[in-house]
């Protein structure tokens, strides 16, 4: 059956769908020996020989088993598959026996928390695409105590130094001292160092940043630097994740929090 080349490349685990499109446009993909640069081109791996940078991907499509890893990324690791500066990579935190896995989105070098690694390009494309509104929840510790008006500006969206205006965000203060404050930030977009730049724009630098939730997948008790396989149920929920919960789901979440409070459960801190 014919399918778009970028979808086949993603399914082979070579790259995310977005990166696959870049490879096609760069002339790195051939079908039956012919360079293909048109993104709409389709091929059938049952009859066509598809190569990416000279590597035949047909065998990968035939035998590949999908792998989904949840990693609690420590600070000081780069979310990339290679680095010319020799910095530690998140791929070094999982066994090589799992195969070639790519990160789903990014976390900055000094940001910690949840990161998914997989060879499923379709999942990567779904989670990272802004149109699917997959929520990412962060715990943020900032220097000083922003005023409510400053926080309201961040909720509405602010224009960053590069001229791009951020989308509206959910921001809730969870604690403060005389010198620092802690917030929960929920984003449906993921620009480079976005949260750090947002708080910089109001004069309060980020001291610590941790992602604690991606769609329906939470950090729970996964220690820093450790990983586990996502369950089949988690993968299914993740592929169907949406940004806005229903009223019933919101009420259920409120009930669970109330029950935790009555049972003595403490709140998390960044």
C-alpha atoms as a PDB file:
ATOM      1  CA  UNK A   1       0.000   0.000   0.000  1.00  0.00           C
ATOM      2  CA  UNK A   2       1.343   3.425  -0.913  1.00  0.00           C
ATOM      3  CA  UNK A   3       1.963   5.945   1.847  1.00  0.00           C
ATOM      4  CA  UNK A   4       3.670   9.311   2.059  1.00  0.00           C
ATOM      5  CA  UNK A   5       7.439   9.043   2.328  1.00  0.00           C
ATOM      6  CA  UNK A   6       7.670  11.096   5.510  1.00  0.00           C
ATOM      7  CA  UNK A   7       5.228   8.723   7.192  1.00  0.00           C
ATOM      8  CA  UNK A   8       7.242   5.663   6.114  1.00  0.00           C
ATOM      9  CA  UNK A   9      10.515   7.195   7.308  1.00  0.00           C
ATOM     10  CA  UNK A  10       8.934   7.995  10.668  1.00  0.00           C
ATOM     11  CA  UNK A  11       7.507   4.482  10.915  1.00  0.00           C
ATOM     12  CA  UNK A  12      10.997   3.055  10.307  1.00  0.00           C
ATOM     13  CA  UNK A  13      12.255   4.988  13.327  1.00  0.00           C
ATOM     14  CA  UNK A  14      14.795   6.965  11.297  1.00  0.00           C
ATOM     15  CA  UNK A  15      13.426  10.354  12.304  1.00  0.00           C
ATOM     16  CA  UNK A  16      10.319  12.154  13.423  1.00  0.00           C
ATOM     17  CA  UNK A  17       7.843  12.999  10.686  1.00  0.00           C
ATOM     18  CA  UNK A  18       8.877  16.656  10.744  1.00  0.00           C
ATOM     19  CA  UNK A  19      12.558  15.776  10.453  1.00  0.00           C
ATOM     20  CA  UNK A  20      11.719  13.284   7.697  1.00  0.00           C
ATOM     21  CA  UNK A  21      10.226  16.132   5.678  1.00  0.00           C
ATOM     22  CA  UNK A  22      13.474  18.076   6.091  1.00  0.00           C
ATOM     23  CA  UNK A  23      15.454  15.048   4.866  1.00  0.00           C
ATOM     24  CA  UNK A  24      13.236  14.799   1.778  1.00  0.00           C
ATOM     25  CA  UNK A  25      13.578  18.492   0.953  1.00  0.00           C
ATOM     26  CA  UNK A  26      17.363  18.224   1.403  1.00  0.00           C
ATOM     27  CA  UNK A  27      17.557  15.459  -1.221  1.00  0.00           C
ATOM     28  CA  UNK A  28      18.577  12.789   1.290  1.00  0.00           C
ATOM     29  CA  UNK A  29      15.823  10.344   0.240  1.00  0.00           C
ATOM     30  CA  UNK A  30      15.671   8.134  -2.839  1.00  0.00           C
ATOM     31  CA  UNK A  31      12.975   5.842  -4.203  1.00  0.00           C
ATOM     32  CA  UNK A  32      14.214   3.157  -6.601  1.00  0.00           C
ATOM     33  CA  UNK A  33      17.450   5.090  -7.023  1.00  0.00           C
ATOM     34  CA  UNK A  34      15.804   8.438  -7.836  1.00  0.00           C
ATOM     35  CA  UNK A  35      16.166  11.423  -5.511  1.00  0.00           C
ATOM     36  CA  UNK A  36      12.786  12.628  -4.250  1.00  0.00           C
ATOM     37  CA  UNK A  37      12.243  16.174  -2.963  1.00  0.00           C
ATOM     38  CA  UNK A  38       8.452  16.470  -3.219  1.00  0.00           C
ATOM     39  CA  UNK A  39       6.773  16.078   0.175  1.00  0.00           C
ATOM     40  CA  UNK A  40       3.594  14.641  -1.287  1.00  0.00           C
ATOM     41  CA  UNK A  41       5.405  11.702  -2.903  1.00  0.00           C
ATOM     42  CA  UNK A  42       4.112   8.256  -1.970  1.00  0.00           C
ATOM     43  CA  UNK A  43       5.780   4.854  -2.105  1.00  0.00           C
ATOM     44  CA  UNK A  44       4.948   1.233  -1.390  1.00  0.00           C
ATOM     45  CA  UNK A  45       7.629  -0.532   0.692  1.00  0.00           C
ATOM     46  CA  UNK A  46       6.368  -3.859  -0.662  1.00  0.00           C
ATOM     47  CA  UNK A  47       7.633  -2.973  -4.161  1.00  0.00           C
ATOM     48  CA  UNK A  48       9.742   0.217  -3.891  1.00  0.00           C
ATOM     49  CA  UNK A  49      13.301   0.475  -2.549  1.00  0.00           C
ATOM     50  CA  UNK A  50      13.387   3.446  -0.169  1.00  0.00           C
ATOM     51  CA  UNK A  51      16.708   4.798   1.070  1.00  0.00           C
ATOM     52  CA  UNK A  52      17.521   7.564   3.547  1.00  0.00           C
ATOM     53  CA  UNK A  53      21.091   8.840   3.260  1.00  0.00           C
ATOM     54  CA  UNK A  54      21.918   5.684   1.350  1.00  0.00           C
ATOM     55  CA  UNK A  55      20.412   3.327   3.914  1.00  0.00           C
ATOM     56  CA  UNK A  56      17.626   0.980   2.821  1.00  0.00           C
ATOM     57  CA  UNK A  57      14.727   1.342   5.254  1.00  0.00           C
ATOM     58  CA  UNK A  58      12.488  -1.472   3.918  1.00  0.00           C
ATOM     59  CA  UNK A  59      13.890  -4.074   6.368  1.00  0.00           C
ATOM     60  CA  UNK A  60      13.251  -1.687   9.252  1.00  0.00           C
ATOM     61  CA  UNK A  61       9.619  -1.319   8.221  1.00  0.00           C
ATOM     62  CA  UNK A  62       9.204  -5.096   8.070  1.00  0.00           C
ATOM     63  CA  UNK A  63      10.579  -6.046  11.468  1.00  0.00           C
ATOM     64  CA  UNK A  64      10.506  -2.981  13.700  1.00  0.00           C
ATOM     65  CA  UNK A  65       8.824  -3.275  17.054  1.00  0.00           C
ATOM     66  CA  UNK A  66       7.614  -0.005  18.550  1.00  0.00           C
ATOM     67  CA  UNK A  67       9.390   1.024  21.749  1.00  0.00           C
ATOM     68  CA  UNK A  68       8.117   3.695  24.150  1.00  0.00           C
ATOM     69  CA  UNK A  69      10.352   4.838  27.021  1.00  0.00           C
ATOM     70  CA  UNK A  70       9.558   7.329  29.770  1.00  0.00           C
ATOM     71  CA  UNK A  71      12.680   8.993  31.186  1.00  0.00           C
ATOM     72  CA  UNK A  72      13.023  11.327  34.144  1.00  0.00           C
ATOM     73  CA  UNK A  73      15.732  13.499  32.619  1.00  0.00           C
ATOM     74  CA  UNK A  74      18.337  15.001  34.982  1.00  0.00           C
ATOM     75  CA  UNK A  75      19.872  18.431  34.528  1.00  0.00           C
ATOM     76  CA  UNK A  76      23.032  18.488  32.458  1.00  0.00           C
ATOM     77  CA  UNK A  77      21.917  16.186  29.653  1.00  0.00           C
ATOM     78  CA  UNK A  78      21.291  17.230  26.063  1.00  0.00           C
ATOM     79  CA  UNK A  79      18.044  16.191  24.365  1.00  0.00           C
ATOM     80  CA  UNK A  80      19.672  15.143  21.102  1.00  0.00           C
ATOM     81  CA  UNK A  81      21.100  12.069  19.377  1.00  0.00           C
ATOM     82  CA  UNK A  82      24.583  13.576  18.923  1.00  0.00           C
ATOM     83  CA  UNK A  83      26.607  16.590  20.029  1.00  0.00           C
ATOM     84  CA  UNK A  84      29.791  18.035  18.525  1.00  0.00           C
ATOM     85  CA  UNK A  85      30.786  19.421  21.946  1.00  0.00           C
ATOM     86  CA  UNK A  86      30.702  15.999  23.589  1.00  0.00           C
ATOM     87  CA  UNK A  87      28.064  16.852  26.174  1.00  0.00           C
ATOM     88  CA  UNK A  88      26.123  14.019  27.880  1.00  0.00           C
ATOM     89  CA  UNK A  89      23.097  12.831  25.869  1.00  0.00           C
ATOM     90  CA  UNK A  90      19.740  11.558  27.104  1.00  0.00           C
ATOM     91  CA  UNK A  91      20.233   8.497  24.884  1.00  0.00           C
ATOM     92  CA  UNK A  92      23.099   7.464  27.194  1.00  0.00           C
ATOM     93  CA  UNK A  93      20.601   6.993  30.028  1.00  0.00           C
ATOM     94  CA  UNK A  94      18.776   4.088  28.339  1.00  0.00           C
ATOM     95  CA  UNK A  95      20.224   0.734  27.170  1.00  0.00           C
ATOM     96  CA  UNK A  96      21.512   0.541  23.606  1.00  0.00           C
ATOM     97  CA  UNK A  97      19.713  -2.792  23.314  1.00  0.00           C
ATOM     98  CA  UNK A  98      16.441  -0.868  23.019  1.00  0.00           C
ATOM     99  CA  UNK A  99      17.541   0.291  19.560  1.00  0.00           C
ATOM    100  CA  UNK A 100      17.733   3.738  18.025  1.00  0.00           C
ATOM    101  CA  UNK A 101      15.260   5.951  19.857  1.00  0.00           C
ATOM    102  CA  UNK A 102      14.606   9.650  19.335  1.00  0.00           C
ATOM    103  CA  UNK A 103      13.260  12.146  21.890  1.00  0.00           C
ATOM    104  CA  UNK A 104       9.667  13.323  21.596  1.00  0.00           C
ATOM    105  CA  UNK A 105      10.194  17.076  21.704  1.00  0.00           C
ATOM    106  CA  UNK A 106      12.951  18.627  23.794  1.00  0.00           C
ATOM    107  CA  UNK A 107      13.949  19.615  27.292  1.00  0.00           C
ATOM    108  CA  UNK A 108      16.672  22.217  27.740  1.00  0.00           C
ATOM    109  CA  UNK A 109      20.130  21.152  28.962  1.00  0.00           C
ATOM    110  CA  UNK A 110      19.408  22.471  32.480  1.00  0.00           C
ATOM    111  CA  UNK A 111      15.754  21.413  32.603  1.00  0.00           C
ATOM    112  CA  UNK A 112      14.737  18.133  34.179  1.00  0.00           C
ATOM    113  CA  UNK A 113      11.655  15.954  34.150  1.00  0.00           C
ATOM    114  CA  UNK A 114       9.579  13.825  31.827  1.00  0.00           C
ATOM    115  CA  UNK A 115      10.881  12.970  28.383  1.00  0.00           C
ATOM    116  CA  UNK A 116       9.555  10.288  26.049  1.00  0.00           C
ATOM    117  CA  UNK A 117      11.934   8.405  23.758  1.00  0.00           C
ATOM    118  CA  UNK A 118      10.585   6.215  20.990  1.00  0.00           C
ATOM    119  CA  UNK A 119      11.080   4.862  17.482  1.00  0.00           C
ATOM    120  CA  UNK A 120       7.469   5.702  16.631  1.00  0.00           C
ATOM    121  CA  UNK A 121       7.570   8.772  14.404  1.00  0.00           C
ATOM    122  CA  UNK A 122       3.798   8.996  14.267  1.00  0.00           C
ATOM    123  CA  UNK A 123       3.558   9.357  18.051  1.00  0.00           C
ATOM    124  CA  UNK A 124       6.293  11.991  17.972  1.00  0.00           C
ATOM    125  CA  UNK A 125       4.465  13.949  15.300  1.00  0.00           C
ATOM    126  CA  UNK A 126       1.178  13.778  17.226  1.00  0.00           C
ATOM    127  CA  UNK A 127       2.590  14.897  20.583  1.00  0.00           C
ATOM    128  CA  UNK A 128       4.759  17.703  19.205  1.00  0.00           C
ATOM    129  CA  UNK A 129       2.214  19.124  16.750  1.00  0.00           C
ATOM    130  CA  UNK A 130       0.634  22.315  18.091  1.00  0.00           C
ATOM    131  CA  UNK A 131      -2.685  21.531  16.429  1.00  0.00           C
ATOM    132  CA  UNK A 132      -3.221  18.505  18.694  1.00  0.00           C
ATOM    133  CA  UNK A 133      -3.034  20.567  21.903  1.00  0.00           C
ATOM    134  CA  UNK A 134      -1.160  17.988  23.998  1.00  0.00           C
ATOM    135  CA  UNK A 135      -0.637  19.643  27.368  1.00  0.00           C
ATOM    136  CA  UNK A 136       2.764  19.735  29.073  1.00  0.00           C
ATOM    137  CA  UNK A 137       2.840  20.617  32.780  1.00  0.00           C
ATOM    138  CA  UNK A 138       5.898  22.152  34.432  1.00  0.00           C
ATOM    139  CA  UNK A 139       6.945  23.012  37.975  1.00  0.00           C
ATOM    140  CA  UNK A 140       8.852  26.303  37.967  1.00  0.00           C
ATOM    141  CA  UNK A 141      10.890  27.979  40.693  1.00  0.00           C
ATOM    142  CA  UNK A 142      11.661  31.635  39.985  1.00  0.00           C
ATOM    143  CA  UNK A 143      13.714  34.341  41.634  1.00  0.00           C
ATOM    144  CA  UNK A 144      11.610  36.834  43.539  1.00  0.00           C
ATOM    145  CA  UNK A 145       7.833  37.091  43.690  1.00  0.00           C
ATOM    146  CA  UNK A 146       6.112  38.354  40.513  1.00  0.00           C
ATOM    147  CA  UNK A 147       3.054  40.525  40.958  1.00  0.00           C
ATOM    148  CA  UNK A 148      -0.353  39.236  39.946  1.00  0.00           C
ATOM    149  CA  UNK A 149      -0.365  41.662  37.020  1.00  0.00           C
ATOM    150  CA  UNK A 150       2.945  40.274  35.782  1.00  0.00           C
ATOM    151  CA  UNK A 151       1.611  36.722  35.993  1.00  0.00           C
ATOM    152  CA  UNK A 152      -1.567  37.807  34.210  1.00  0.00           C
ATOM    153  CA  UNK A 153       0.594  39.103  31.339  1.00  0.00           C
ATOM    154  CA  UNK A 154       2.211  35.676  31.020  1.00  0.00           C
ATOM    155  CA  UNK A 155      -1.207  34.013  31.019  1.00  0.00           C
ATOM    156  CA  UNK A 156      -2.347  36.229  28.149  1.00  0.00           C
ATOM    157  CA  UNK A 157       0.882  35.746  26.175  1.00  0.00           C
ATOM    158  CA  UNK A 158       3.971  37.942  25.877  1.00  0.00           C
ATOM    159  CA  UNK A 159       6.212  38.964  22.998  1.00  0.00           C
ATOM    160  CA  UNK A 160       9.693  37.484  23.386  1.00  0.00           C
ATOM    161  CA  UNK A 161      13.015  38.944  22.234  1.00  0.00           C
ATOM    162  CA  UNK A 162      12.757  37.109  18.898  1.00  0.00           C
ATOM    163  CA  UNK A 163       9.481  38.919  18.184  1.00  0.00           C
ATOM    164  CA  UNK A 164       7.286  35.838  18.601  1.00  0.00           C
ATOM    165  CA  UNK A 165       4.276  36.148  20.871  1.00  0.00           C
ATOM    166  CA  UNK A 166       3.598  33.183  23.147  1.00  0.00           C
ATOM    167  CA  UNK A 167       0.190  31.523  23.197  1.00  0.00           C
ATOM    168  CA  UNK A 168      -2.018  31.917  26.287  1.00  0.00           C
ATOM    169  CA  UNK A 169      -0.826  29.664  29.135  1.00  0.00           C
ATOM    170  CA  UNK A 170      -2.259  28.342  32.373  1.00  0.00           C
ATOM    171  CA  UNK A 171      -0.137  29.588  35.280  1.00  0.00           C
ATOM    172  CA  UNK A 172      -0.856  29.016  38.959  1.00  0.00           C
ATOM    173  CA  UNK A 173       1.231  30.114  41.931  1.00  0.00           C
ATOM    174  CA  UNK A 174       1.676  27.200  44.346  1.00  0.00           C
ATOM    175  CA  UNK A 175       4.076  28.663  46.946  1.00  0.00           C
ATOM    176  CA  UNK A 176       6.297  31.640  47.778  1.00  0.00           C
ATOM    177  CA  UNK A 177       8.897  32.890  50.249  1.00  0.00           C
ATOM    178  CA  UNK A 178      10.474  36.307  50.706  1.00  0.00           C
ATOM    179  CA  UNK A 179      13.008  35.534  47.977  1.00  0.00           C
ATOM    180  CA  UNK A 180      11.500  32.920  45.617  1.00  0.00           C
ATOM    181  CA  UNK A 181       8.207  31.621  44.279  1.00  0.00           C
ATOM    182  CA  UNK A 182       6.921  28.418  42.712  1.00  0.00           C
ATOM    183  CA  UNK A 183       4.449  28.073  39.848  1.00  0.00           C
ATOM    184  CA  UNK A 184       2.681  25.370  37.879  1.00  0.00           C
ATOM    185  CA  UNK A 185       2.752  26.205  34.168  1.00  0.00           C
ATOM    186  CA  UNK A 186       0.710  24.390  31.518  1.00  0.00           C
ATOM    187  CA  UNK A 187       1.684  24.813  27.858  1.00  0.00           C
ATOM    188  CA  UNK A 188       0.278  23.466  24.623  1.00  0.00           C
ATOM    189  CA  UNK A 189       3.231  24.746  22.615  1.00  0.00           C
ATOM    190  CA  UNK A 190       6.938  24.206  23.131  1.00  0.00           C
ATOM    191  CA  UNK A 191       9.270  26.890  21.817  1.00  0.00           C
ATOM    192  CA  UNK A 192      12.963  26.798  22.665  1.00  0.00           C
ATOM    193  CA  UNK A 193      13.471  27.790  26.331  1.00  0.00           C
ATOM    194  CA  UNK A 194       9.989  29.283  26.297  1.00  0.00           C
ATOM    195  CA  UNK A 195       9.244  29.243  30.034  1.00  0.00           C
ATOM    196  CA  UNK A 196      12.650  30.706  30.910  1.00  0.00           C
ATOM    197  CA  UNK A 197      12.176  33.471  28.341  1.00  0.00           C
ATOM    198  CA  UNK A 198       8.623  34.167  29.551  1.00  0.00           C
ATOM    199  CA  UNK A 199       9.706  34.783  33.135  1.00  0.00           C
ATOM    200  CA  UNK A 200      12.797  36.696  31.973  1.00  0.00           C
ATOM    201  CA  UNK A 201      10.437  39.048  30.130  1.00  0.00           C
ATOM    202  CA  UNK A 202       8.885  40.110  33.455  1.00  0.00           C
ATOM    203  CA  UNK A 203      12.208  40.335  35.290  1.00  0.00           C
ATOM    204  CA  UNK A 204      12.069  37.085  37.288  1.00  0.00           C
ATOM    205  CA  UNK A 205      14.603  34.477  36.162  1.00  0.00           C
ATOM    206  CA  UNK A 206      13.908  30.749  36.414  1.00  0.00           C
ATOM    207  CA  UNK A 207      16.007  28.969  39.038  1.00  0.00           C
ATOM    208  CA  UNK A 208      14.637  25.461  38.530  1.00  0.00           C
ATOM    209  CA  UNK A 209      12.407  23.903  35.879  1.00  0.00           C
ATOM    210  CA  UNK A 210      10.910  20.426  35.785  1.00  0.00           C
ATOM    211  CA  UNK A 211       8.327  18.859  33.471  1.00  0.00           C
ATOM    212  CA  UNK A 212       5.961  16.644  35.432  1.00  0.00           C
ATOM    213  CA  UNK A 213       3.288  15.697  32.885  1.00  0.00           C
ATOM    214  CA  UNK A 214       2.899  15.093  29.140  1.00  0.00           C
ATOM    215  CA  UNK A 215      -0.742  14.675  28.153  1.00  0.00           C
ATOM    216  CA  UNK A 216      -2.065  11.949  30.490  1.00  0.00           C
ATOM    217  CA  UNK A 217       1.406  10.629  31.457  1.00  0.00           C
ATOM    218  CA  UNK A 218       2.694  11.794  34.865  1.00  0.00           C
ATOM    219  CA  UNK A 219       6.079  11.631  36.543  1.00  0.00           C
ATOM    220  CA  UNK A 220       4.776   9.766  39.617  1.00  0.00           C
ATOM    221  CA  UNK A 221       7.674   8.173  41.574  1.00  0.00           C
ATOM    222  CA  UNK A 222      10.150   7.722  38.732  1.00  0.00           C
ATOM    223  CA  UNK A 223      13.566   8.732  40.196  1.00  0.00           C
ATOM    224  CA  UNK A 224      15.720  11.283  38.412  1.00  0.00           C
ATOM    225  CA  UNK A 225      17.868   9.622  35.742  1.00  0.00           C
ATOM    226  CA  UNK A 226      15.728   6.463  35.652  1.00  0.00           C
ATOM    227  CA  UNK A 227      13.430   5.172  32.923  1.00  0.00           C
ATOM    228  CA  UNK A 228      10.618   2.714  32.367  1.00  0.00           C
ATOM    229  CA  UNK A 229       8.528   1.403  29.491  1.00  0.00           C
ATOM    230  CA  UNK A 230       5.211   3.118  28.862  1.00  0.00           C
ATOM    231  CA  UNK A 231       2.320   0.703  29.201  1.00  0.00           C
ATOM    232  CA  UNK A 232       0.093  -0.068  26.227  1.00  0.00           C
ATOM    233  CA  UNK A 233      -2.722   1.818  27.959  1.00  0.00           C
ATOM    234  CA  UNK A 234      -0.520   4.896  28.447  1.00  0.00           C
ATOM    235  CA  UNK A 235       0.502   4.873  24.781  1.00  0.00           C
ATOM    236  CA  UNK A 236      -3.142   4.600  23.712  1.00  0.00           C
ATOM    237  CA  UNK A 237      -4.164   7.481  25.984  1.00  0.00           C
ATOM    238  CA  UNK A 238      -1.192   9.555  24.863  1.00  0.00           C
ATOM    239  CA  UNK A 239      -2.121   9.144  21.197  1.00  0.00           C
ATOM    240  CA  UNK A 240      -5.601  10.387  22.057  1.00  0.00           C
ATOM    241  CA  UNK A 241      -4.475  13.156  24.409  1.00  0.00           C
ATOM    242  CA  UNK A 242      -6.154  16.555  24.052  1.00  0.00           C
ATOM    243  CA  UNK A 243      -5.422  19.859  25.649  1.00  0.00           C
ATOM    244  CA  UNK A 244      -8.789  20.556  27.277  1.00  0.00           C
ATOM    245  CA  UNK A 245     -10.336  18.076  29.652  1.00  0.00           C
ATOM    246  CA  UNK A 246     -14.078  17.568  29.782  1.00  0.00           C
ATOM    247  CA  UNK A 247     -16.015  19.007  32.727  1.00  0.00           C
ATOM    248  CA  UNK A 248     -16.561  15.498  34.073  1.00  0.00           C
ATOM    249  CA  UNK A 249     -12.826  14.767  33.935  1.00  0.00           C
ATOM    250  CA  UNK A 250     -12.054  18.068  35.634  1.00  0.00           C
ATOM    251  CA  UNK A 251     -14.539  17.305  38.413  1.00  0.00           C
ATOM    252  CA  UNK A 252     -13.062  13.842  38.843  1.00  0.00           C
ATOM    253  CA  UNK A 253      -9.595  15.354  39.138  1.00  0.00           C
ATOM    254  CA  UNK A 254     -10.833  17.801  41.775  1.00  0.00           C
ATOM    255  CA  UNK A 255     -12.358  14.926  43.757  1.00  0.00           C
ATOM    256  CA  UNK A 256      -9.071  13.005  43.652  1.00  0.00           C
ATOM    257  CA  UNK A 257      -7.167  16.053  44.911  1.00  0.00           C
ATOM    258  CA  UNK A 258      -9.674  16.522  47.718  1.00  0.00           C
ATOM    259  CA  UNK A 259      -9.322  12.878  48.699  1.00  0.00           C
ATOM    260  CA  UNK A 260      -5.518  13.196  48.704  1.00  0.00           C
ATOM    261  CA  UNK A 261      -5.807  16.258  50.907  1.00  0.00           C
ATOM    262  CA  UNK A 262      -8.035  14.461  53.417  1.00  0.00           C
ATOM    263  CA  UNK A 263      -5.631  11.488  53.476  1.00  0.00           C
ATOM    264  CA  UNK A 264      -2.664  13.739  54.282  1.00  0.00           C
ATOM    265  CA  UNK A 265      -0.964  13.808  50.864  1.00  0.00           C
ATOM    266  CA  UNK A 266       1.510  16.665  50.497  1.00  0.00           C
ATOM    267  CA  UNK A 267       2.007  18.839  47.442  1.00  0.00           C
ATOM    268  CA  UNK A 268       4.952  18.540  45.131  1.00  0.00           C
ATOM    269  CA  UNK A 269       7.609  21.207  44.995  1.00  0.00           C
ATOM    270  CA  UNK A 270      10.121  22.035  42.281  1.00  0.00           C
END
